[in-house]
Amino acid sequence: MEVPLDTGEVLLAFPADVGPVRHVRSTLLLGSLAALEEAGHIDAWSAVIAPDAREQLQHAVAGVWLDVDLALTHYRACERLALSSETQAELGAATFGRLRGTLLGTMLRMAQGSGATPWTVLPHLQRFWNRAYDGGGIRVVRLGPKDAQLDLIECAFADTRYYRNALRGLVRGVLELFSRKAYVHERVGRRAAGALSLHGQWV
């Protein structure tokens, strides 16, 4: 799958044999549900998701793989809430806040290291991605001293506006572990199915 590449240095290339996301770690979806509940959106979510999917998600235990179709049902239900783009991004950031100790323990230790910057962790994003997703690939390109392009492929969730914005918020949270302030935007232009391109900057 072709993803536009700005002029820059590829720090992390897509995996050689990347396949579509097949499973999602339940911990990620439980964190997403907790963020919805904390923000007061869980009743609206419950009203728009299929009852059997709602039961499976609300009774899932942490740390197991869930089928991609169940996760996609969740994100499509979140899409139907018609929340603003920034609200969706804030929910993604809140999800990251809940997951940082569980899925990102190594990243947190890296953040505490002397001299750590976003460039310390960005080349390792595929490894962290693999803890939460079975399938999908990430590329990271250095565009400037504090300027990066992050590309995602083979991820059906990227076809929902909710997931794209929530991932913006999550990536912002990752960058802000290593910086004072970060800004993450979706790169505009033609987007391939299952793909997403983000532009991250920080100070």
N, C-alpha and C. Protein backbone atom coordinates (compact mmCIF):
# COMPACT_ATOMS: atom_id res chain seq x y z
N MET A 1 0.85 -1.20 0.00
CA MET A 1 0.00 0.00 0.00
C MET A 1 0.88 1.24 0.00
N GLU A 2 0.60 2.15 -0.90
CA GLU A 2 1.39 3.37 -0.99
C GLU A 2 0.87 4.42 -0.02
N VAL A 3 1.78 5.01 0.74
CA VAL A 3 1.45 6.12 1.63
C VAL A 3 2.38 7.27 1.27
N PRO A 4 1.85 8.47 1.04
CA PRO A 4 2.71 9.59 0.66
C PRO A 4 3.84 9.80 1.65
N LEU A 5 5.01 10.10 1.15
CA LEU A 5 6.19 10.30 1.99
C LEU A 5 6.78 11.67 1.71
N ASP A 6 6.78 12.52 2.76
CA ASP A 6 7.45 13.80 2.62
C ASP A 6 8.96 13.58 2.60
N THR A 7 9.67 14.60 2.11
CA THR A 7 11.13 14.52 2.13
C THR A 7 11.60 14.46 3.57
N GLY A 8 12.34 13.44 3.90
CA GLY A 8 12.83 13.31 5.27
C GLY A 8 13.57 12.00 5.44
N GLU A 9 14.02 11.75 6.66
CA GLU A 9 14.78 10.55 6.99
C GLU A 9 13.84 9.51 7.61
N VAL A 10 13.80 8.33 7.01
CA VAL A 10 12.96 7.26 7.55
C VAL A 10 13.68 6.65 8.76
N LEU A 11 13.10 6.86 9.94
CA LEU A 11 13.68 6.31 11.17
C LEU A 11 13.13 4.92 11.48
N LEU A 12 11.91 4.68 11.06
CA LEU A 12 11.27 3.38 11.27
C LEU A 12 10.50 3.05 9.99
N ALA A 13 10.90 1.99 9.32
CA ALA A 13 10.23 1.59 8.08
C ALA A 13 9.08 0.64 8.40
N PHE A 14 8.13 0.55 7.48
CA PHE A 14 7.06 -0.42 7.65
C PHE A 14 7.66 -1.83 7.75
N PRO A 15 7.04 -2.73 8.53
CA PRO A 15 7.52 -4.12 8.57
C PRO A 15 7.54 -4.73 7.18
N ALA A 16 8.46 -5.65 6.95
CA ALA A 16 8.58 -6.27 5.64
C ALA A 16 7.33 -7.06 5.27
N ASP A 17 6.77 -7.77 6.21
CA ASP A 17 5.58 -8.59 5.96
C ASP A 17 4.45 -8.10 6.86
N VAL A 18 3.82 -7.01 6.47
CA VAL A 18 2.76 -6.45 7.30
C VAL A 18 1.41 -6.94 6.79
N GLY A 19 0.59 -7.44 7.72
CA GLY A 19 -0.75 -7.86 7.39
C GLY A 19 -1.77 -7.02 8.12
N PRO A 20 -3.04 -7.15 7.78
CA PRO A 20 -4.07 -6.34 8.44
C PRO A 20 -4.21 -6.69 9.92
N VAL A 21 -4.66 -5.72 10.69
CA VAL A 21 -4.93 -5.97 12.11
C VAL A 21 -5.99 -7.05 12.22
N ARG A 22 -5.70 -8.08 13.01
CA ARG A 22 -6.61 -9.22 13.20
C ARG A 22 -7.19 -9.25 14.61
N HIS A 23 -6.40 -8.81 15.57
CA HIS A 23 -6.83 -8.82 16.97
C HIS A 23 -6.35 -7.55 17.65
N VAL A 24 -7.05 -7.19 18.73
CA VAL A 24 -6.70 -6.03 19.53
C VAL A 24 -6.64 -6.46 20.99
N ARG A 25 -5.66 -5.97 21.71
CA ARG A 25 -5.55 -6.30 23.13
C ARG A 25 -6.74 -5.71 23.88
N SER A 26 -7.38 -6.52 24.69
CA SER A 26 -8.57 -6.07 25.42
C SER A 26 -8.28 -4.87 26.31
N THR A 27 -7.06 -4.78 26.81
CA THR A 27 -6.69 -3.67 27.69
C THR A 27 -6.90 -2.33 27.01
N LEU A 28 -6.63 -2.27 25.71
CA LEU A 28 -6.81 -1.02 24.97
C LEU A 28 -8.29 -0.63 24.90
N LEU A 29 -9.14 -1.60 24.59
CA LEU A 29 -10.56 -1.31 24.47
C LEU A 29 -11.19 -1.01 25.83
N LEU A 30 -10.73 -1.68 26.87
CA LEU A 30 -11.23 -1.39 28.21
C LEU A 30 -10.82 0.02 28.63
N GLY A 31 -9.62 0.44 28.26
CA GLY A 31 -9.20 1.81 28.53
C GLY A 31 -10.04 2.82 27.78
N SER A 32 -10.42 2.48 26.54
CA SER A 32 -11.28 3.35 25.75
C SER A 32 -12.65 3.48 26.39
N LEU A 33 -13.20 2.35 26.86
CA LEU A 33 -14.51 2.39 27.53
C LEU A 33 -14.45 3.22 28.82
N ALA A 34 -13.37 3.06 29.58
CA ALA A 34 -13.22 3.81 30.82
C ALA A 34 -13.15 5.31 30.53
N ALA A 35 -12.46 5.69 29.44
CA ALA A 35 -12.38 7.10 29.08
C ALA A 35 -13.76 7.64 28.69
N LEU A 36 -14.54 6.84 27.95
CA LEU A 36 -15.90 7.25 27.60
C LEU A 36 -16.76 7.43 28.84
N GLU A 37 -16.63 6.52 29.79
CA GLU A 37 -17.44 6.60 31.01
C GLU A 37 -17.06 7.83 31.83
N GLU A 38 -15.77 8.06 31.96
CA GLU A 38 -15.30 9.20 32.76
C GLU A 38 -15.77 10.53 32.15
N ALA A 39 -15.88 10.56 30.82
CA ALA A 39 -16.31 11.78 30.13
C ALA A 39 -17.83 11.90 30.01
N GLY A 40 -18.55 10.90 30.50
CA GLY A 40 -20.01 10.96 30.49
C GLY A 40 -20.67 10.51 29.20
N HIS A 41 -19.94 9.72 28.40
CA HIS A 41 -20.49 9.29 27.11
C HIS A 41 -20.88 7.82 27.07
N ILE A 42 -20.73 7.10 28.18
CA ILE A 42 -20.92 5.65 28.12
C ILE A 42 -22.38 5.26 27.87
N ASP A 43 -23.32 6.02 28.38
CA ASP A 43 -24.74 5.68 28.14
C ASP A 43 -25.09 5.86 26.67
N ALA A 44 -24.56 6.91 26.06
CA ALA A 44 -24.82 7.14 24.64
C ALA A 44 -24.17 6.03 23.81
N TRP A 45 -22.98 5.61 24.19
CA TRP A 45 -22.30 4.51 23.51
C TRP A 45 -23.12 3.23 23.64
N SER A 46 -23.61 2.95 24.84
CA SER A 46 -24.40 1.74 25.08
C SER A 46 -25.66 1.71 24.22
N ALA A 47 -26.19 2.89 23.92
CA ALA A 47 -27.44 2.97 23.16
C ALA A 47 -27.24 2.73 21.67
N VAL A 48 -26.00 2.88 21.16
CA VAL A 48 -25.80 2.77 19.71
C VAL A 48 -25.01 1.54 19.29
N ILE A 49 -24.48 0.77 20.25
CA ILE A 49 -23.72 -0.43 19.90
C ILE A 49 -24.64 -1.65 20.02
N ALA A 50 -24.37 -2.67 19.21
CA ALA A 50 -25.16 -3.90 19.26
C ALA A 50 -25.07 -4.50 20.66
N PRO A 51 -26.19 -4.97 21.23
CA PRO A 51 -26.19 -5.50 22.60
C PRO A 51 -25.18 -6.62 22.83
N ASP A 52 -25.01 -7.54 21.88
CA ASP A 52 -24.07 -8.64 22.10
C ASP A 52 -22.62 -8.13 22.15
N ALA A 53 -22.30 -7.14 21.31
CA ALA A 53 -20.96 -6.56 21.35
C ALA A 53 -20.74 -5.80 22.65
N ARG A 54 -21.76 -5.09 23.11
CA ARG A 54 -21.65 -4.36 24.37
C ARG A 54 -21.37 -5.33 25.52
N GLU A 55 -22.06 -6.46 25.53
CA GLU A 55 -21.86 -7.45 26.60
C GLU A 55 -20.44 -8.01 26.55
N GLN A 56 -19.97 -8.33 25.36
CA GLN A 56 -18.62 -8.89 25.24
C GLN A 56 -17.57 -7.91 25.73
N LEU A 57 -17.72 -6.65 25.36
CA LEU A 57 -16.72 -5.65 25.74
C LEU A 57 -16.77 -5.34 27.23
N GLN A 58 -17.96 -5.19 27.77
CA GLN A 58 -18.08 -4.83 29.18
C GLN A 58 -17.69 -5.96 30.11
N HIS A 59 -17.67 -7.19 29.61
CA HIS A 59 -17.28 -8.33 30.45
C HIS A 59 -15.92 -8.90 30.05
N ALA A 60 -15.20 -8.21 29.19
CA ALA A 60 -13.87 -8.66 28.80
C ALA A 60 -12.90 -8.50 29.97
N VAL A 61 -11.93 -9.38 30.03
CA VAL A 61 -10.89 -9.27 31.05
C VAL A 61 -9.66 -8.65 30.40
N ALA A 62 -8.83 -8.02 31.20
CA ALA A 62 -7.65 -7.33 30.68
C ALA A 62 -6.61 -8.33 30.18
N GLY A 63 -5.88 -7.94 29.16
CA GLY A 63 -4.72 -8.69 28.73
C GLY A 63 -4.95 -9.81 27.74
N VAL A 64 -6.15 -9.91 27.15
CA VAL A 64 -6.41 -10.97 26.18
C VAL A 64 -6.64 -10.34 24.80
N TRP A 65 -6.50 -11.16 23.77
CA TRP A 65 -6.76 -10.69 22.42
C TRP A 65 -8.24 -10.77 22.10
N LEU A 66 -8.78 -9.73 21.49
CA LEU A 66 -10.16 -9.70 21.03
C LEU A 66 -10.18 -9.58 19.51
N ASP A 67 -11.20 -10.17 18.90
CA ASP A 67 -11.28 -10.18 17.45
C ASP A 67 -11.42 -8.76 16.89
N VAL A 68 -10.83 -8.56 15.72
CA VAL A 68 -10.86 -7.24 15.10
C VAL A 68 -12.28 -6.76 14.84
N ASP A 69 -13.20 -7.68 14.52
CA ASP A 69 -14.57 -7.26 14.22
C ASP A 69 -15.25 -6.67 15.45
N LEU A 70 -14.96 -7.21 16.63
CA LEU A 70 -15.54 -6.67 17.86
C LEU A 70 -14.97 -5.27 18.11
N ALA A 71 -13.68 -5.10 17.93
CA ALA A 71 -13.07 -3.79 18.13
C ALA A 71 -13.61 -2.78 17.12
N LEU A 72 -13.80 -3.22 15.88
CA LEU A 72 -14.31 -2.33 14.85
C LEU A 72 -15.75 -1.91 15.17
N THR A 73 -16.53 -2.83 15.73
CA THR A 73 -17.89 -2.48 16.16
C THR A 73 -17.85 -1.39 17.22
N HIS A 74 -16.89 -1.50 18.14
CA HIS A 74 -16.74 -0.48 19.18
C HIS A 74 -16.44 0.88 18.58
N TYR A 75 -15.46 0.95 17.67
CA TYR A 75 -15.07 2.25 17.12
C TYR A 75 -16.15 2.82 16.22
N ARG A 76 -16.91 1.98 15.55
CA ARG A 76 -18.02 2.48 14.75
C ARG A 76 -19.13 3.04 15.64
N ALA A 77 -19.32 2.43 16.80
CA ALA A 77 -20.29 2.97 17.76
C ALA A 77 -19.82 4.32 18.27
N CYS A 78 -18.53 4.43 18.58
CA CYS A 78 -17.97 5.72 19.01
C CYS A 78 -18.16 6.77 17.92
N GLU A 79 -18.02 6.37 16.66
CA GLU A 79 -18.22 7.28 15.55
C GLU A 79 -19.64 7.83 15.55
N ARG A 80 -20.62 6.99 15.89
CA ARG A 80 -22.02 7.41 15.85
C ARG A 80 -22.36 8.39 16.97
N LEU A 81 -21.48 8.57 17.92
CA LEU A 81 -21.72 9.56 18.97
C LEU A 81 -21.60 10.99 18.44
N ALA A 82 -20.98 11.14 17.27
CA ALA A 82 -20.86 12.44 16.60
C ALA A 82 -20.20 13.50 17.50
N LEU A 83 -19.16 13.09 18.21
CA LEU A 83 -18.42 14.03 19.05
C LEU A 83 -17.50 14.88 18.18
N SER A 84 -17.11 16.03 18.70
CA SER A 84 -16.20 16.90 17.96
C SER A 84 -14.83 16.23 17.82
N SER A 85 -14.07 16.69 16.84
CA SER A 85 -12.75 16.12 16.61
C SER A 85 -11.86 16.26 17.84
N GLU A 86 -11.92 17.41 18.50
CA GLU A 86 -11.07 17.62 19.67
C GLU A 86 -11.53 16.78 20.86
N THR A 87 -12.83 16.58 21.00
CA THR A 87 -13.32 15.70 22.07
C THR A 87 -12.83 14.28 21.82
N GLN A 88 -12.87 13.83 20.58
CA GLN A 88 -12.37 12.50 20.26
C GLN A 88 -10.88 12.39 20.57
N ALA A 89 -10.12 13.44 20.25
CA ALA A 89 -8.69 13.42 20.55
C ALA A 89 -8.44 13.39 22.05
N GLU A 90 -9.24 14.13 22.81
CA GLU A 90 -9.09 14.12 24.27
C GLU A 90 -9.40 12.75 24.84
N LEU A 91 -10.38 12.05 24.27
CA LEU A 91 -10.68 10.69 24.72
C LEU A 91 -9.51 9.75 24.41
N GLY A 92 -8.87 9.96 23.27
CA GLY A 92 -7.68 9.18 22.96
C GLY A 92 -6.55 9.45 23.94
N ALA A 93 -6.38 10.72 24.31
CA ALA A 93 -5.35 11.08 25.29
C ALA A 93 -5.67 10.48 26.65
N ALA A 94 -6.96 10.46 27.01
CA ALA A 94 -7.37 9.87 28.29
C ALA A 94 -7.13 8.36 28.29
N THR A 95 -7.37 7.72 27.15
CA THR A 95 -7.08 6.29 27.04
C THR A 95 -5.60 6.03 27.23
N PHE A 96 -4.76 6.86 26.61
CA PHE A 96 -3.32 6.72 26.79
C PHE A 96 -2.94 6.87 28.26
N GLY A 97 -3.55 7.84 28.94
CA GLY A 97 -3.25 8.04 30.35
C GLY A 97 -3.52 6.80 31.18
N ARG A 98 -4.53 6.03 30.79
CA ARG A 98 -4.86 4.81 31.53
C ARG A 98 -3.94 3.64 31.16
N LEU A 99 -3.39 3.67 29.95
CA LEU A 99 -2.61 2.53 29.46
C LEU A 99 -1.10 2.68 29.67
N ARG A 100 -0.66 3.87 29.97
CA ARG A 100 0.77 4.13 29.94
C ARG A 100 1.56 3.19 30.85
N GLY A 101 1.00 2.83 32.00
CA GLY A 101 1.73 1.93 32.88
C GLY A 101 1.63 0.48 32.48
N THR A 102 0.54 0.11 31.79
CA THR A 102 0.30 -1.29 31.44
C THR A 102 1.01 -1.71 30.17
N LEU A 103 0.76 -0.98 29.09
CA LEU A 103 1.34 -1.34 27.81
C LEU A 103 2.65 -0.63 27.52
N LEU A 104 2.93 0.48 28.22
CA LEU A 104 4.05 1.33 27.84
C LEU A 104 5.06 1.49 28.96
N GLY A 105 5.21 0.47 29.78
CA GLY A 105 6.13 0.56 30.90
C GLY A 105 7.54 0.90 30.47
N THR A 106 8.02 0.26 29.40
CA THR A 106 9.37 0.53 28.90
C THR A 106 9.50 1.97 28.44
N MET A 107 8.44 2.45 27.79
CA MET A 107 8.46 3.83 27.32
C MET A 107 8.57 4.80 28.48
N LEU A 108 7.86 4.51 29.56
CA LEU A 108 7.92 5.38 30.72
C LEU A 108 9.32 5.41 31.31
N ARG A 109 9.98 4.27 31.35
CA ARG A 109 11.35 4.23 31.85
C ARG A 109 12.28 5.02 30.94
N MET A 110 12.01 4.95 29.62
CA MET A 110 12.81 5.72 28.68
C MET A 110 12.61 7.22 28.91
N ALA A 111 11.37 7.60 29.22
CA ALA A 111 11.05 9.01 29.42
C ALA A 111 11.77 9.58 30.63
N GLN A 112 12.04 8.72 31.61
CA GLN A 112 12.70 9.17 32.82
C GLN A 112 14.22 9.28 32.66
N GLY A 113 14.72 8.75 31.53
CA GLY A 113 16.15 8.78 31.31
C GLY A 113 16.65 10.18 30.99
N SER A 114 17.89 10.44 31.33
CA SER A 114 18.49 11.75 31.08
C SER A 114 18.61 12.00 29.59
N GLY A 115 18.11 13.15 29.15
CA GLY A 115 18.26 13.54 27.76
C GLY A 115 17.28 12.90 26.80
N ALA A 116 16.28 12.20 27.30
CA ALA A 116 15.32 11.54 26.41
C ALA A 116 14.48 12.57 25.68
N THR A 117 14.22 12.35 24.41
CA THR A 117 13.39 13.22 23.57
C THR A 117 12.41 12.32 22.81
N PRO A 118 11.45 12.91 22.08
CA PRO A 118 10.58 12.07 21.25
C PRO A 118 11.36 11.16 20.30
N TRP A 119 12.53 11.62 19.84
CA TRP A 119 13.32 10.76 18.94
C TRP A 119 13.84 9.52 19.65
N THR A 120 13.83 9.54 20.99
CA THR A 120 14.26 8.35 21.73
C THR A 120 13.28 7.21 21.54
N VAL A 121 12.00 7.51 21.48
CA VAL A 121 10.97 6.48 21.44
C VAL A 121 10.38 6.23 20.07
N LEU A 122 10.34 7.25 19.20
CA LEU A 122 9.65 7.09 17.91
C LEU A 122 10.17 5.92 17.08
N PRO A 123 11.48 5.64 17.05
CA PRO A 123 11.93 4.49 16.26
C PRO A 123 11.44 3.14 16.80
N HIS A 124 10.88 3.12 18.01
CA HIS A 124 10.44 1.87 18.63
C HIS A 124 8.92 1.70 18.60
N LEU A 125 8.21 2.57 17.89
CA LEU A 125 6.75 2.54 17.95
C LEU A 125 6.14 1.23 17.48
N GLN A 126 6.76 0.58 16.49
CA GLN A 126 6.19 -0.70 16.03
C GLN A 126 6.19 -1.73 17.15
N ARG A 127 7.25 -1.73 17.95
CA ARG A 127 7.31 -2.69 19.06
C ARG A 127 6.19 -2.43 20.06
N PHE A 128 5.93 -1.16 20.38
CA PHE A 128 4.84 -0.85 21.30
C PHE A 128 3.48 -1.13 20.65
N TRP A 129 3.37 -0.85 19.35
CA TRP A 129 2.13 -1.15 18.62
C TRP A 129 1.80 -2.64 18.72
N ASN A 130 2.82 -3.48 18.58
CA ASN A 130 2.60 -4.92 18.58
C ASN A 130 2.10 -5.45 19.92
N ARG A 131 2.29 -4.69 20.97
CA ARG A 131 1.75 -5.10 22.26
C ARG A 131 0.23 -4.94 22.31
N ALA A 132 -0.30 -4.02 21.52
CA ALA A 132 -1.73 -3.73 21.55
C ALA A 132 -2.48 -4.28 20.36
N TYR A 133 -1.76 -4.50 19.25
CA TYR A 133 -2.42 -4.92 18.01
C TYR A 133 -1.69 -6.11 17.39
N ASP A 134 -2.46 -7.03 16.85
CA ASP A 134 -1.94 -8.14 16.07
C ASP A 134 -2.14 -7.80 14.60
N GLY A 135 -1.10 -7.23 13.98
CA GLY A 135 -1.18 -6.78 12.60
C GLY A 135 -1.06 -5.28 12.51
N GLY A 136 -0.92 -4.79 11.28
CA GLY A 136 -0.76 -3.36 11.07
C GLY A 136 0.70 -2.95 11.13
N GLY A 137 1.03 -1.86 10.46
CA GLY A 137 2.42 -1.41 10.43
C GLY A 137 2.55 0.10 10.55
N ILE A 138 3.67 0.54 11.13
CA ILE A 138 3.95 1.95 11.37
C ILE A 138 5.25 2.34 10.70
N ARG A 139 5.26 3.56 10.16
CA ARG A 139 6.50 4.16 9.65
C ARG A 139 6.67 5.51 10.32
N VAL A 140 7.91 5.86 10.64
CA VAL A 140 8.22 7.17 11.23
C VAL A 140 9.28 7.85 10.38
N VAL A 141 9.01 9.10 10.02
CA VAL A 141 9.93 9.88 9.19
C VAL A 141 10.28 11.17 9.93
N ARG A 142 11.58 11.45 10.03
CA ARG A 142 12.03 12.72 10.61
C ARG A 142 11.96 13.80 9.54
N LEU A 143 11.13 14.82 9.79
CA LEU A 143 10.97 15.93 8.85
C LEU A 143 11.79 17.15 9.25
N GLY A 144 12.12 17.26 10.54
CA GLY A 144 12.87 18.40 11.05
C GLY A 144 13.32 18.09 12.46
N PRO A 145 13.97 19.04 13.13
CA PRO A 145 14.48 18.79 14.47
C PRO A 145 13.41 18.37 15.47
N LYS A 146 12.20 18.91 15.35
CA LYS A 146 11.10 18.56 16.26
C LYS A 146 9.82 18.38 15.46
N ASP A 147 9.93 17.59 14.41
CA ASP A 147 8.89 17.51 13.40
C ASP A 147 8.92 16.10 12.80
N ALA A 148 7.82 15.33 12.96
CA ALA A 148 7.82 13.94 12.50
C ALA A 148 6.53 13.61 11.75
N GLN A 149 6.65 12.69 10.83
CA GLN A 149 5.51 12.11 10.13
C GLN A 149 5.35 10.67 10.61
N LEU A 150 4.12 10.30 11.01
CA LEU A 150 3.83 8.94 11.44
C LEU A 150 2.76 8.37 10.52
N ASP A 151 3.07 7.25 9.89
CA ASP A 151 2.15 6.62 8.96
C ASP A 151 1.72 5.25 9.48
N LEU A 152 0.45 4.93 9.31
CA LEU A 152 -0.12 3.66 9.74
C LEU A 152 -0.80 3.00 8.55
N ILE A 153 -0.60 1.70 8.39
CA ILE A 153 -1.25 0.97 7.31
C ILE A 153 -1.87 -0.32 7.84
N GLU A 154 -2.78 -0.88 7.04
CA GLU A 154 -3.42 -2.17 7.32
C GLU A 154 -4.18 -2.16 8.64
N CYS A 155 -4.87 -1.06 8.92
CA CYS A 155 -5.64 -0.93 10.16
C CYS A 155 -7.05 -0.45 9.82
N ALA A 156 -8.02 -1.36 9.89
CA ALA A 156 -9.40 -1.02 9.49
C ALA A 156 -9.99 0.10 10.32
N PHE A 157 -9.52 0.26 11.57
CA PHE A 157 -10.07 1.31 12.43
C PHE A 157 -9.80 2.70 11.87
N ALA A 158 -8.71 2.82 11.09
CA ALA A 158 -8.34 4.12 10.53
C ALA A 158 -9.40 4.65 9.58
N ASP A 159 -10.35 3.82 9.20
CA ASP A 159 -11.43 4.28 8.32
C ASP A 159 -12.55 4.96 9.10
N THR A 160 -12.44 5.02 10.42
CA THR A 160 -13.41 5.77 11.22
C THR A 160 -12.76 7.06 11.71
N ARG A 161 -13.51 8.14 11.60
CA ARG A 161 -13.00 9.44 12.06
C ARG A 161 -12.68 9.40 13.54
N TYR A 162 -13.49 8.69 14.33
CA TYR A 162 -13.26 8.63 15.77
C TYR A 162 -11.86 8.06 16.06
N TYR A 163 -11.53 6.94 15.44
CA TYR A 163 -10.24 6.32 15.73
C TYR A 163 -9.09 7.23 15.30
N ARG A 164 -9.22 7.86 14.14
CA ARG A 164 -8.13 8.71 13.67
C ARG A 164 -7.88 9.85 14.65
N ASN A 165 -8.94 10.45 15.15
CA ASN A 165 -8.77 11.54 16.11
C ASN A 165 -8.29 11.03 17.47
N ALA A 166 -8.83 9.89 17.91
CA ALA A 166 -8.38 9.33 19.19
C ALA A 166 -6.91 8.97 19.14
N LEU A 167 -6.46 8.45 17.99
CA LEU A 167 -5.04 8.12 17.86
C LEU A 167 -4.19 9.38 17.87
N ARG A 168 -4.70 10.47 17.31
CA ARG A 168 -4.00 11.76 17.40
C ARG A 168 -3.74 12.11 18.86
N GLY A 169 -4.79 11.96 19.68
CA GLY A 169 -4.65 12.28 21.10
C GLY A 169 -3.68 11.37 21.81
N LEU A 170 -3.72 10.08 21.45
CA LEU A 170 -2.80 9.13 22.07
C LEU A 170 -1.36 9.44 21.70
N VAL A 171 -1.11 9.71 20.42
CA VAL A 171 0.26 10.04 19.99
C VAL A 171 0.73 11.33 20.65
N ARG A 172 -0.16 12.29 20.80
CA ARG A 172 0.21 13.53 21.50
C ARG A 172 0.66 13.21 22.92
N GLY A 173 -0.06 12.30 23.59
CA GLY A 173 0.33 11.91 24.93
C GLY A 173 1.71 11.28 24.97
N VAL A 174 2.01 10.45 23.97
CA VAL A 174 3.34 9.83 23.90
C VAL A 174 4.41 10.91 23.74
N LEU A 175 4.20 11.84 22.82
CA LEU A 175 5.20 12.88 22.58
C LEU A 175 5.40 13.76 23.80
N GLU A 176 4.32 14.01 24.54
CA GLU A 176 4.43 14.90 25.70
C GLU A 176 5.09 14.23 26.90
N LEU A 177 5.35 12.92 26.81
CA LEU A 177 6.21 12.30 27.82
C LEU A 177 7.62 12.83 27.73
N PHE A 178 7.98 13.33 26.55
CA PHE A 178 9.36 13.72 26.27
C PHE A 178 9.50 15.18 25.91
N SER A 179 8.43 15.96 26.02
CA SER A 179 8.50 17.37 25.61
C SER A 179 7.55 18.19 26.47
N ARG A 180 7.65 19.51 26.38
CA ARG A 180 6.75 20.38 27.14
C ARG A 180 5.35 20.39 26.56
N LYS A 181 5.26 20.42 25.23
CA LYS A 181 3.96 20.49 24.56
C LYS A 181 4.10 19.88 23.18
N ALA A 182 3.05 19.14 22.75
CA ALA A 182 3.08 18.51 21.43
C ALA A 182 1.79 18.82 20.69
N TYR A 183 1.88 18.80 19.38
CA TYR A 183 0.74 19.05 18.50
C TYR A 183 0.73 17.95 17.44
N VAL A 184 -0.41 17.32 17.27
CA VAL A 184 -0.52 16.22 16.30
C VAL A 184 -1.75 16.46 15.44
N HIS A 185 -1.55 16.46 14.14
CA HIS A 185 -2.65 16.69 13.19
C HIS A 185 -2.65 15.59 12.15
N GLU A 186 -3.83 15.29 11.64
CA GLU A 186 -3.90 14.36 10.52
C GLU A 186 -3.48 15.08 9.25
N ARG A 187 -2.63 14.46 8.47
CA ARG A 187 -2.18 15.06 7.21
C ARG A 187 -3.31 14.98 6.20
N VAL A 188 -3.62 16.10 5.62
CA VAL A 188 -4.74 16.16 4.68
C VAL A 188 -4.32 15.61 3.33
N GLY A 189 -5.31 15.18 2.57
CA GLY A 189 -5.04 14.61 1.26
C GLY A 189 -5.73 13.29 1.11
N ARG A 190 -5.53 12.64 0.00
CA ARG A 190 -6.16 11.37 -0.26
C ARG A 190 -5.64 10.31 0.69
N ARG A 191 -6.55 9.57 1.34
CA ARG A 191 -6.17 8.56 2.32
C ARG A 191 -6.60 7.19 1.82
N ALA A 192 -5.66 6.26 1.78
CA ALA A 192 -5.98 4.90 1.37
C ALA A 192 -6.77 4.20 2.46
N ALA A 193 -7.56 3.21 2.08
CA ALA A 193 -8.32 2.43 3.06
C ALA A 193 -7.37 1.80 4.07
N GLY A 194 -7.73 1.88 5.35
CA GLY A 194 -6.91 1.27 6.40
C GLY A 194 -5.62 2.00 6.69
N ALA A 195 -5.48 3.22 6.18
CA ALA A 195 -4.22 3.97 6.36
C ALA A 195 -4.49 5.31 7.02
N LEU A 196 -3.46 5.83 7.65
CA LEU A 196 -3.53 7.12 8.34
C LEU A 196 -2.15 7.74 8.36
N SER A 197 -2.08 9.04 8.16
CA SER A 197 -0.81 9.75 8.21
C SER A 197 -0.95 10.94 9.15
N LEU A 198 -0.08 11.00 10.16
CA LEU A 198 -0.11 12.06 11.16
C LEU A 198 1.15 12.91 11.07
N HIS A 199 1.00 14.18 11.44
CA HIS A 199 2.13 15.11 11.51
C HIS A 199 2.26 15.56 12.96
N GLY A 200 3.38 15.23 13.58
CA GLY A 200 3.60 15.59 14.98
C GLY A 200 4.70 16.63 15.12
N GLN A 201 4.48 17.61 15.99
CA GLN A 201 5.48 18.63 16.31
C GLN A 201 5.50 18.82 17.82
N TRP A 202 6.63 19.27 18.34
CA TRP A 202 6.72 19.46 19.80
C TRP A 202 7.73 20.56 20.12
N VAL A 203 7.60 21.06 21.35
CA VAL A 203 8.51 22.10 21.85
C VAL A 203 9.03 21.67 23.21
